[in-house]
Amino acid sequence: REIKRERKYDGLIFDPPAFGRADKGKIWKIDRDFPILIDKISLLLSENPCFVLLTCHDEKFTENDLILLLRKSLTNIKTKGKFECGQLILKSKNYKYSNPL
């Protein structure tokens, strides 16, 4: 929708579900639809983007898979940036326990 409106953003945050249903019953499957979503990221970025934050809640996509998909999508972006990846961790107040998100 935002691509059709020709909107551009300096930063993007994507946190797609592993599975979901749209209003009209269309099914979202991360293994099928996530690469398509990533391919469109460059169409939403301004000329001088600041960041893209991308999460994935599926074991089928490793950190390296995400970086490769994102780099491929952003090859036409002239701004040079860096790619970082890692696991999101929720720490408890006493820091004895932590849980991956």
PDB file of N, CA and C in Angstrom:
ATOM      1  N   ARG A   1       0.820  -1.190   0.000  1.00  0.00           N
ATOM      2  CA  ARG A   1       0.000   0.000   0.000  1.00  0.00           C
ATOM      3  C   ARG A   1       0.870   1.262   0.000  1.00  0.00           C
ATOM      4  N   GLU A   2       1.896   1.277   0.834  1.00  0.00           N
ATOM      5  CA  GLU A   2       2.764   2.458   0.904  1.00  0.00           C
ATOM      6  C   GLU A   2       3.569   2.645  -0.378  1.00  0.00           C
ATOM      7  N   ILE A   3       3.901   1.564  -1.044  1.00  0.00           N
ATOM      8  CA  ILE A   3       4.616   1.663  -2.320  1.00  0.00           C
ATOM      9  C   ILE A   3       3.728   2.319  -3.364  1.00  0.00           C
ATOM     10  N   LYS A   4       2.458   1.930  -3.427  1.00  0.00           N
ATOM     11  CA  LYS A   4       1.522   2.537  -4.376  1.00  0.00           C
ATOM     12  C   LYS A   4       1.349   4.022  -4.106  1.00  0.00           C
ATOM     13  N   ARG A   5       1.408   4.419  -2.860  1.00  0.00           N
ATOM     14  CA  ARG A   5       1.290   5.838  -2.479  1.00  0.00           C
ATOM     15  C   ARG A   5       2.592   6.599  -2.692  1.00  0.00           C
ATOM     16  N   GLU A   6       3.640   5.867  -3.080  1.00  0.00           N
ATOM     17  CA  GLU A   6       4.968   6.431  -3.337  1.00  0.00           C
ATOM     18  C   GLU A   6       5.543   7.137  -2.118  1.00  0.00           C
ATOM     19  N   ARG A   7       5.285   6.606  -0.952  1.00  0.00           N
ATOM     20  CA  ARG A   7       5.840   7.160   0.282  1.00  0.00           C
ATOM     21  C   ARG A   7       7.232   6.602   0.509  1.00  0.00           C
ATOM     22  N   LYS A   8       8.091   7.427   1.067  1.00  0.00           N
ATOM     23  CA  LYS A   8       9.469   7.040   1.361  1.00  0.00           C
ATOM     24  C   LYS A   8       9.753   7.320   2.839  1.00  0.00           C
ATOM     25  N   TYR A   9      10.581   6.488   3.425  1.00  0.00           N
ATOM     26  CA  TYR A   9      10.868   6.586   4.854  1.00  0.00           C
ATOM     27  C   TYR A   9      12.367   6.540   5.105  1.00  0.00           C
ATOM     28  N   ASP A  10      12.802   7.261   6.135  1.00  0.00           N
ATOM     29  CA  ASP A  10      14.209   7.237   6.544  1.00  0.00           C
ATOM     30  C   ASP A  10      14.530   5.993   7.358  1.00  0.00           C
ATOM     31  N   GLY A  11      13.536   5.402   7.971  1.00  0.00           N
ATOM     32  CA  GLY A  11      13.731   4.197   8.761  1.00  0.00           C
ATOM     33  C   GLY A  11      12.516   3.291   8.656  1.00  0.00           C
ATOM     34  N   LEU A  12      12.770   2.009   8.723  1.00  0.00           N
ATOM     35  CA  LEU A  12      11.689   1.023   8.642  1.00  0.00           C
ATOM     36  C   LEU A  12      11.852  -0.009   9.746  1.00  0.00           C
ATOM     37  N   ILE A  13      10.731  -0.422  10.320  1.00  0.00           N
ATOM     38  CA  ILE A  13      10.710  -1.489  11.311  1.00  0.00           C
ATOM     39  C   ILE A  13       9.740  -2.552  10.825  1.00  0.00           C
ATOM     40  N   PHE A  14      10.246  -3.762  10.666  1.00  0.00           N
ATOM     41  CA  PHE A  14       9.422  -4.890  10.230  1.00  0.00           C
ATOM     42  C   PHE A  14       9.465  -5.973  11.301  1.00  0.00           C
ATOM     43  N   ASP A  15       8.311  -6.357  11.775  1.00  0.00           N
ATOM     44  CA  ASP A  15       8.177  -7.426  12.767  1.00  0.00           C
ATOM     45  C   ASP A  15       7.004  -8.315  12.345  1.00  0.00           C
ATOM     46  N   PRO A  16       7.171  -9.024  11.244  1.00  0.00           N
ATOM     47  CA  PRO A  16       6.047  -9.805  10.716  1.00  0.00           C
ATOM     48  C   PRO A  16       5.769 -11.060  11.543  1.00  0.00           C
ATOM     49  N   PRO A  17       4.524 -11.504  11.564  1.00  0.00           N
ATOM     50  CA  PRO A  17       4.197 -12.746  12.275  1.00  0.00           C
ATOM     51  C   PRO A  17       4.670 -13.955  11.460  1.00  0.00           C
ATOM     52  N   ALA A  18       4.816 -15.085  12.121  1.00  0.00           N
ATOM     53  CA  ALA A  18       5.168 -16.313  11.412  1.00  0.00           C
ATOM     54  C   ALA A  18       3.984 -16.797  10.574  1.00  0.00           C
ATOM     55  N   PHE A  19       2.764 -16.521  11.063  1.00  0.00           N
ATOM     56  CA  PHE A  19       1.553 -16.936  10.365  1.00  0.00           C
ATOM     57  C   PHE A  19       0.445 -15.959  10.722  1.00  0.00           C
ATOM     58  N   GLY A  20      -0.425 -15.649   9.778  1.00  0.00           N
ATOM     59  CA  GLY A  20      -1.539 -14.764  10.062  1.00  0.00           C
ATOM     60  C   GLY A  20      -2.562 -14.757   8.949  1.00  0.00           C
ATOM     61  N   ARG A  21      -3.717 -14.177   9.259  1.00  0.00           N
ATOM     62  CA  ARG A  21      -4.796 -14.042   8.276  1.00  0.00           C
ATOM     63  C   ARG A  21      -5.182 -12.568   8.160  1.00  0.00           C
ATOM     64  N   ALA A  22      -5.359 -12.129   6.921  1.00  0.00           N
ATOM     65  CA  ALA A  22      -5.807 -10.765   6.662  1.00  0.00           C
ATOM     66  C   ALA A  22      -7.325 -10.708   6.742  1.00  0.00           C
ATOM     67  N   ASP A  23      -7.868  -9.498   6.664  1.00  0.00           N
ATOM     68  CA  ASP A  23      -9.317  -9.296   6.740  1.00  0.00           C
ATOM     69  C   ASP A  23     -10.082 -10.112   5.699  1.00  0.00           C
ATOM     70  N   LYS A  24      -9.543 -10.211   4.510  1.00  0.00           N
ATOM     71  CA  LYS A  24     -10.245 -10.912   3.435  1.00  0.00           C
ATOM     72  C   LYS A  24      -9.887 -12.389   3.370  1.00  0.00           C
ATOM     73  N   GLY A  25      -9.277 -12.908   4.424  1.00  0.00           N
ATOM     74  CA  GLY A  25      -8.977 -14.328   4.490  1.00  0.00           C
ATOM     75  C   GLY A  25      -7.660 -14.745   3.863  1.00  0.00           C
ATOM     76  N   LYS A  26      -6.922 -13.784   3.295  1.00  0.00           N
ATOM     77  CA  LYS A  26      -5.631 -14.122   2.714  1.00  0.00           C
ATOM     78  C   LYS A  26      -4.688 -14.567   3.834  1.00  0.00           C
ATOM     79  N   ILE A  27      -3.968 -15.638   3.593  1.00  0.00           N
ATOM     80  CA  ILE A  27      -3.079 -16.197   4.613  1.00  0.00           C
ATOM     81  C   ILE A  27      -1.651 -15.706   4.393  1.00  0.00           C
ATOM     82  N   TRP A  28      -1.022 -15.247   5.474  1.00  0.00           N
ATOM     83  CA  TRP A  28       0.387 -14.850   5.466  1.00  0.00           C
ATOM     84  C   TRP A  28       1.188 -16.024   6.016  1.00  0.00           C
ATOM     85  N   LYS A  29       2.163 -16.465   5.245  1.00  0.00           N
ATOM     86  CA  LYS A  29       3.088 -17.502   5.701  1.00  0.00           C
ATOM     87  C   LYS A  29       4.494 -16.939   5.567  1.00  0.00           C
ATOM     88  N   ILE A  30       5.213 -16.910   6.661  1.00  0.00           N
ATOM     89  CA  ILE A  30       6.518 -16.257   6.662  1.00  0.00           C
ATOM     90  C   ILE A  30       7.493 -16.892   5.682  1.00  0.00           C
ATOM     91  N   ASP A  31       7.474 -18.203   5.563  1.00  0.00           N
ATOM     92  CA  ASP A  31       8.426 -18.848   4.656  1.00  0.00           C
ATOM     93  C   ASP A  31       8.151 -18.516   3.192  1.00  0.00           C
ATOM     94  N   ARG A  32       6.919 -18.227   2.844  1.00  0.00           N
ATOM     95  CA  ARG A  32       6.556 -17.871   1.474  1.00  0.00           C
ATOM     96  C   ARG A  32       6.613 -16.357   1.247  1.00  0.00           C
ATOM     97  N   ASP A  33       6.089 -15.577   2.188  1.00  0.00           N
ATOM     98  CA  ASP A  33       5.872 -14.147   1.974  1.00  0.00           C
ATOM     99  C   ASP A  33       6.996 -13.235   2.469  1.00  0.00           C
ATOM    100  N   PHE A  34       7.809 -13.708   3.404  1.00  0.00           N
ATOM    101  CA  PHE A  34       8.863 -12.872   3.968  1.00  0.00           C
ATOM    102  C   PHE A  34       9.892 -12.433   2.918  1.00  0.00           C
ATOM    103  N   PRO A  35      10.405 -13.339   2.067  1.00  0.00           N
ATOM    104  CA  PRO A  35      11.343 -12.884   1.029  1.00  0.00           C
ATOM    105  C   PRO A  35      10.742 -11.850   0.080  1.00  0.00           C
ATOM    106  N   ILE A  36       9.467 -11.969  -0.207  1.00  0.00           N
ATOM    107  CA  ILE A  36       8.784 -10.989  -1.066  1.00  0.00           C
ATOM    108  C   ILE A  36       8.737  -9.629  -0.372  1.00  0.00           C
ATOM    109  N   LEU A  37       8.441  -9.625   0.921  1.00  0.00           N
ATOM    110  CA  LEU A  37       8.417  -8.387   1.701  1.00  0.00           C
ATOM    111  C   LEU A  37       9.793  -7.730   1.705  1.00  0.00           C
ATOM    112  N   ILE A  38      10.834  -8.509   1.956  1.00  0.00           N
ATOM    113  CA  ILE A  38      12.190  -7.960   2.006  1.00  0.00           C
ATOM    114  C   ILE A  38      12.591  -7.378   0.650  1.00  0.00           C
ATOM    115  N   ASP A  39      12.193  -8.007  -0.439  1.00  0.00           N
ATOM    116  CA  ASP A  39      12.518  -7.495  -1.769  1.00  0.00           C
ATOM    117  C   ASP A  39      11.952  -6.100  -2.009  1.00  0.00           C
ATOM    118  N   LYS A  40      10.900  -5.746  -1.315  1.00  0.00           N
ATOM    119  CA  LYS A  40      10.252  -4.453  -1.532  1.00  0.00           C
ATOM    120  C   LYS A  40      10.764  -3.347  -0.603  1.00  0.00           C
ATOM    121  N   ILE A  41      11.630  -3.684   0.328  1.00  0.00           N
ATOM    122  CA  ILE A  41      12.113  -2.698   1.301  1.00  0.00           C
ATOM    123  C   ILE A  41      12.751  -1.494   0.621  1.00  0.00           C
ATOM    124  N   SER A  42      13.579  -1.729  -0.383  1.00  0.00           N
ATOM    125  CA  SER A  42      14.270  -0.611  -1.029  1.00  0.00           C
ATOM    126  C   SER A  42      13.309   0.375  -1.680  1.00  0.00           C
ATOM    127  N   LEU A  43      12.122  -0.080  -2.043  1.00  0.00           N
ATOM    128  CA  LEU A  43      11.126   0.802  -2.660  1.00  0.00           C
ATOM    129  C   LEU A  43      10.515   1.766  -1.650  1.00  0.00           C
ATOM    130  N   LEU A  44      10.688   1.491  -0.372  1.00  0.00           N
ATOM    131  CA  LEU A  44      10.115   2.323   0.681  1.00  0.00           C
ATOM    132  C   LEU A  44      11.122   3.275   1.330  1.00  0.00           C
ATOM    133  N   LEU A  45      12.396   3.088   1.033  1.00  0.00           N
ATOM    134  CA  LEU A  45      13.428   3.894   1.694  1.00  0.00           C
ATOM    135  C   LEU A  45      13.687   5.206   0.967  1.00  0.00           C
ATOM    136  N   SER A  46      13.960   6.250   1.755  1.00  0.00           N
ATOM    137  CA  SER A  46      14.316   7.551   1.201  1.00  0.00           C
ATOM    138  C   SER A  46      15.712   7.487   0.582  1.00  0.00           C
ATOM    139  N   GLU A  47      16.175   8.607   0.041  1.00  0.00           N
ATOM    140  CA  GLU A  47      17.508   8.641  -0.574  1.00  0.00           C
ATOM    141  C   GLU A  47      18.617   8.488   0.462  1.00  0.00           C
ATOM    142  N   ASN A  48      18.357   8.884   1.694  1.00  0.00           N
ATOM    143  CA  ASN A  48      19.344   8.785   2.766  1.00  0.00           C
ATOM    144  C   ASN A  48      18.756   8.051   3.963  1.00  0.00           C
ATOM    145  N   PRO A  49      18.529   6.769   3.839  1.00  0.00           N
ATOM    146  CA  PRO A  49      17.906   6.030   4.941  1.00  0.00           C
ATOM    147  C   PRO A  49      18.841   5.909   6.139  1.00  0.00           C
ATOM    148  N   CYS A  50      18.232   5.815   7.312  1.00  0.00           N
ATOM    149  CA  CYS A  50      19.003   5.702   8.552  1.00  0.00           C
ATOM    150  C   CYS A  50      19.088   4.262   9.048  1.00  0.00           C
ATOM    151  N   PHE A  51      17.991   3.527   8.935  1.00  0.00           N
ATOM    152  CA  PHE A  51      18.008   2.166   9.465  1.00  0.00           C
ATOM    153  C   PHE A  51      16.867   1.336   8.901  1.00  0.00           C
ATOM    154  N   VAL A  52      17.058   0.022   8.993  1.00  0.00           N
ATOM    155  CA  VAL A  52      16.012  -0.969   8.774  1.00  0.00           C
ATOM    156  C   VAL A  52      16.151  -1.962   9.912  1.00  0.00           C
ATOM    157  N   LEU A  53      15.113  -2.097  10.701  1.00  0.00           N
ATOM    158  CA  LEU A  53      15.089  -3.080  11.784  1.00  0.00           C
ATOM    159  C   LEU A  53      14.162  -4.200  11.352  1.00  0.00           C
ATOM    160  N   LEU A  54      14.679  -5.397  11.369  1.00  0.00           N
ATOM    161  CA  LEU A  54      13.968  -6.538  10.833  1.00  0.00           C
ATOM    162  C   LEU A  54      14.010  -7.678  11.837  1.00  0.00           C
ATOM    163  N   THR A  55      12.854  -8.214  12.179  1.00  0.00           N
ATOM    164  CA  THR A  55      12.812  -9.376  13.063  1.00  0.00           C
ATOM    165  C   THR A  55      12.185 -10.543  12.318  1.00  0.00           C
ATOM    166  N   CYS A  56      12.506 -11.727  12.774  1.00  0.00           N
ATOM    167  CA  CYS A  56      11.953 -12.930  12.165  1.00  0.00           C
ATOM    168  C   CYS A  56      11.771 -13.974  13.249  1.00  0.00           C
ATOM    169  N   HIS A  57      10.567 -14.499  13.349  1.00  0.00           N
ATOM    170  CA  HIS A  57      10.237 -15.463  14.396  1.00  0.00           C
ATOM    171  C   HIS A  57      10.017 -16.853  13.805  1.00  0.00           C
ATOM    172  N   ASP A  58      10.980 -17.278  13.016  1.00  0.00           N
ATOM    173  CA  ASP A  58      10.892 -18.589  12.403  1.00  0.00           C
ATOM    174  C   ASP A  58      12.289 -19.178  12.315  1.00  0.00           C
ATOM    175  N   GLU A  59      12.425 -20.396  12.769  1.00  0.00           N
ATOM    176  CA  GLU A  59      13.733 -21.057  12.778  1.00  0.00           C
ATOM    177  C   GLU A  59      14.271 -21.331  11.379  1.00  0.00           C
ATOM    178  N   LYS A  60      13.413 -21.282  10.374  1.00  0.00           N
ATOM    179  CA  LYS A  60      13.855 -21.536   9.003  1.00  0.00           C
ATOM    180  C   LYS A  60      14.783 -20.440   8.494  1.00  0.00           C
ATOM    181  N   PHE A  61      14.673 -19.242   9.063  1.00  0.00           N
ATOM    182  CA  PHE A  61      15.499 -18.108   8.647  1.00  0.00           C
ATOM    183  C   PHE A  61      16.574 -17.872   9.699  1.00  0.00           C
ATOM    184  N   THR A  62      17.818 -18.134   9.324  1.00  0.00           N
ATOM    185  CA  THR A  62      18.927 -17.875  10.233  1.00  0.00           C
ATOM    186  C   THR A  62      19.320 -16.402  10.137  1.00  0.00           C
ATOM    187  N   GLU A  63      20.182 -15.969  11.036  1.00  0.00           N
ATOM    188  CA  GLU A  63      20.682 -14.595  10.977  1.00  0.00           C
ATOM    189  C   GLU A  63      21.360 -14.329   9.638  1.00  0.00           C
ATOM    190  N   ASN A  64      22.144 -15.305   9.165  1.00  0.00           N
ATOM    191  CA  ASN A  64      22.828 -15.144   7.883  1.00  0.00           C
ATOM    192  C   ASN A  64      21.839 -15.068   6.723  1.00  0.00           C
ATOM    193  N   ASP A  65      20.767 -15.848   6.770  1.00  0.00           N
ATOM    194  CA  ASP A  65      19.740 -15.779   5.733  1.00  0.00           C
ATOM    195  C   ASP A  65      19.153 -14.378   5.651  1.00  0.00           C
ATOM    196  N   LEU A  66      18.862 -13.795   6.814  1.00  0.00           N
ATOM    197  CA  LEU A  66      18.264 -12.460   6.840  1.00  0.00           C
ATOM    198  C   LEU A  66      19.205 -11.412   6.272  1.00  0.00           C
ATOM    199  N   ILE A  67      20.473 -11.490   6.646  1.00  0.00           N
ATOM    200  CA  ILE A  67      21.439 -10.526   6.123  1.00  0.00           C
ATOM    201  C   ILE A  67      21.565 -10.662   4.608  1.00  0.00           C
ATOM    202  N   LEU A  68      21.640 -11.880   4.111  1.00  0.00           N
ATOM    203  CA  LEU A  68      21.750 -12.076   2.662  1.00  0.00           C
ATOM    204  C   LEU A  68      20.529 -11.543   1.921  1.00  0.00           C
ATOM    205  N   LEU A  69      19.343 -11.826   2.440  1.00  0.00           N
ATOM    206  CA  LEU A  69      18.118 -11.319   1.816  1.00  0.00           C
ATOM    207  C   LEU A  69      18.087  -9.792   1.833  1.00  0.00           C
ATOM    208  N   LEU A  70      18.456  -9.203   2.957  1.00  0.00           N
ATOM    209  CA  LEU A  70      18.418  -7.746   3.086  1.00  0.00           C
ATOM    210  C   LEU A  70      19.476  -7.089   2.198  1.00  0.00           C
ATOM    211  N   ARG A  71      20.671  -7.621   2.179  1.00  0.00           N
ATOM    212  CA  ARG A  71      21.719  -7.063   1.310  1.00  0.00           C
ATOM    213  C   ARG A  71      21.312  -7.126  -0.155  1.00  0.00           C
ATOM    214  N   LYS A  72      20.732  -8.244  -0.553  1.00  0.00           N
ATOM    215  CA  LYS A  72      20.270  -8.395  -1.937  1.00  0.00           C
ATOM    216  C   LYS A  72      19.220  -7.344  -2.268  1.00  0.00           C
ATOM    217  N   SER A  73      18.316  -7.100  -1.333  1.00  0.00           N
ATOM    218  CA  SER A  73      17.250  -6.127  -1.552  1.00  0.00           C
ATOM    219  C   SER A  73      17.777  -4.696  -1.624  1.00  0.00           C
ATOM    220  N   LEU A  74      18.852  -4.424  -0.907  1.00  0.00           N
ATOM    221  CA  LEU A  74      19.347  -3.045  -0.790  1.00  0.00           C
ATOM    222  C   LEU A  74      20.534  -2.750  -1.696  1.00  0.00           C
ATOM    223  N   THR A  75      20.775  -3.560  -2.709  1.00  0.00           N
ATOM    224  CA  THR A  75      21.932  -3.333  -3.591  1.00  0.00           C
ATOM    225  C   THR A  75      21.842  -2.009  -4.344  1.00  0.00           C
ATOM    226  N   ASN A  76      20.643  -1.516  -4.585  1.00  0.00           N
ATOM    227  CA  ASN A  76      20.503  -0.263  -5.330  1.00  0.00           C
ATOM    228  C   ASN A  76      20.521   0.974  -4.422  1.00  0.00           C
ATOM    229  N   ILE A  77      20.650   0.797  -3.120  1.00  0.00           N
ATOM    230  CA  ILE A  77      20.721   1.922  -2.196  1.00  0.00           C
ATOM    231  C   ILE A  77      22.149   2.442  -2.181  1.00  0.00           C
ATOM    232  N   LYS A  78      22.323   3.745  -2.401  1.00  0.00           N
ATOM    233  CA  LYS A  78      23.663   4.328  -2.513  1.00  0.00           C
ATOM    234  C   LYS A  78      24.305   4.591  -1.152  1.00  0.00           C
ATOM    235  N   THR A  79      23.516   4.766  -0.133  1.00  0.00           N
ATOM    236  CA  THR A  79      24.057   5.025   1.196  1.00  0.00           C
ATOM    237  C   THR A  79      24.762   3.775   1.700  1.00  0.00           C
ATOM    238  N   LYS A  80      25.962   3.959   2.198  1.00  0.00           N
ATOM    239  CA  LYS A  80      26.699   2.810   2.737  1.00  0.00           C
ATOM    240  C   LYS A  80      26.383   2.701   4.225  1.00  0.00           C
ATOM    241  N   GLY A  81      25.961   1.552   4.604  1.00  0.00           N
ATOM    242  CA  GLY A  81      25.649   1.306   5.998  1.00  0.00           C
ATOM    243  C   GLY A  81      26.258   0.005   6.435  1.00  0.00           C
ATOM    244  N   LYS A  82      25.944  -0.377   7.643  1.00  0.00           N
ATOM    245  CA  LYS A  82      26.464  -1.649   8.122  1.00  0.00           C
ATOM    246  C   LYS A  82      25.304  -2.552   8.502  1.00  0.00           C
ATOM    247  N   PHE A  83      25.557  -3.826   8.419  1.00  0.00           N
ATOM    248  CA  PHE A  83      24.567  -4.831   8.763  1.00  0.00           C
ATOM    249  C   PHE A  83      24.974  -5.463  10.087  1.00  0.00           C
ATOM    250  N   GLU A  84      24.046  -5.491  10.998  1.00  0.00           N
ATOM    251  CA  GLU A  84      24.274  -6.156  12.273  1.00  0.00           C
ATOM    252  C   GLU A  84      23.147  -7.140  12.496  1.00  0.00           C
ATOM    253  N   CYS A  85      23.474  -8.251  13.121  1.00  0.00           N
ATOM    254  CA  CYS A  85      22.424  -9.197  13.433  1.00  0.00           C
ATOM    255  C   CYS A  85      22.715  -9.818  14.795  1.00  0.00           C
ATOM    256  N   GLY A  86      21.671 -10.287  15.399  1.00  0.00           N
ATOM    257  CA  GLY A  86      21.808 -10.918  16.692  1.00  0.00           C
ATOM    258  C   GLY A  86      20.452 -11.337  17.211  1.00  0.00           C
ATOM    259  N   GLN A  87      20.474 -11.950  18.356  1.00  0.00           N
ATOM    260  CA  GLN A  87      19.246 -12.435  18.958  1.00  0.00           C
ATOM    261  C   GLN A  87      18.709 -11.395  19.929  1.00  0.00           C
ATOM    262  N   LEU A  88      17.406 -11.148  19.872  1.00  0.00           N
ATOM    263  CA  LEU A  88      16.772 -10.256  20.840  1.00  0.00           C
ATOM    264  C   LEU A  88      16.588 -11.016  22.150  1.00  0.00           C
ATOM    265  N   ILE A  89      17.008 -10.414  23.236  1.00  0.00           N
ATOM    266  CA  ILE A  89      16.952 -11.062  24.544  1.00  0.00           C
ATOM    267  C   ILE A  89      16.172 -10.191  25.516  1.00  0.00           C
ATOM    268  N   LEU A  90      15.280 -10.807  26.249  1.00  0.00           N
ATOM    269  CA  LEU A  90      14.541 -10.144  27.310  1.00  0.00           C
ATOM    270  C   LEU A  90      15.173 -10.562  28.637  1.00  0.00           C
ATOM    271  N   LYS A  91      15.787  -9.604  29.328  1.00  0.00           N
ATOM    272  CA  LYS A  91      16.462  -9.924  30.584  1.00  0.00           C
ATOM    273  C   LYS A  91      15.545  -9.617  31.764  1.00  0.00           C
ATOM    274  N   SER A  92      15.654 -10.447  32.784  1.00  0.00           N
ATOM    275  CA  SER A  92      14.884 -10.202  33.999  1.00  0.00           C
ATOM    276  C   SER A  92      15.575  -9.118  34.808  1.00  0.00           C
ATOM    277  N   LYS A  93      14.877  -8.566  35.770  1.00  0.00           N
ATOM    278  CA  LYS A  93      15.438  -7.482  36.580  1.00  0.00           C
ATOM    279  C   LYS A  93      16.689  -7.916  37.332  1.00  0.00           C
ATOM    280  N   ASN A  94      16.722  -9.141  37.801  1.00  0.00           N
ATOM    281  CA  ASN A  94      17.887  -9.589  38.561  1.00  0.00           C
ATOM    282  C   ASN A  94      18.962 -10.211  37.664  1.00  0.00           C
ATOM    283  N   TYR A  95      18.748 -10.252  36.351  1.00  0.00           N
ATOM    284  CA  TYR A  95      19.689 -10.729  35.342  1.00  0.00           C
ATOM    285  C   TYR A  95      20.128 -12.184  35.522  1.00  0.00           C
ATOM    286  N   LYS A  96      19.470 -12.944  36.405  1.00  0.00           N
ATOM    287  CA  LYS A  96      19.809 -14.347  36.533  1.00  0.00           C
ATOM    288  C   LYS A  96      19.239 -15.151  35.366  1.00  0.00           C
ATOM    289  N   TYR A  97      18.134 -14.684  34.832  1.00  0.00           N
ATOM    290  CA  TYR A  97      17.457 -15.394  33.751  1.00  0.00           C
ATOM    291  C   TYR A  97      17.251 -14.448  32.582  1.00  0.00           C
ATOM    292  N   SER A  98      17.348 -14.993  31.411  1.00  0.00           N
ATOM    293  CA  SER A  98      17.022 -14.208  30.214  1.00  0.00           C
ATOM    294  C   SER A  98      16.340 -15.137  29.225  1.00  0.00           C
ATOM    295  N   ASN A  99      15.472 -14.568  28.428  1.00  0.00           N
ATOM    296  CA  ASN A  99      14.702 -15.340  27.460  1.00  0.00           C
ATOM    297  C   ASN A  99      14.854 -14.736  26.078  1.00  0.00           C
ATOM    298  N   PRO A 100      15.152 -15.563  25.085  1.00  0.00           N
ATOM    299  CA  PRO A 100      15.142 -15.045  23.722  1.00  0.00           C
ATOM    300  C   PRO A 100      13.725 -14.684  23.317  1.00  0.00           C
ATOM    301  N   LEU A 101      13.586 -13.610  22.584  1.00  0.00           N
ATOM    302  CA  LEU A 101      12.249 -13.194  22.118  1.00  0.00           C
ATOM    303  C   LEU A 101      11.927 -13.848  20.802  1.00  0.00           C
TER     304      LEU A 101
END
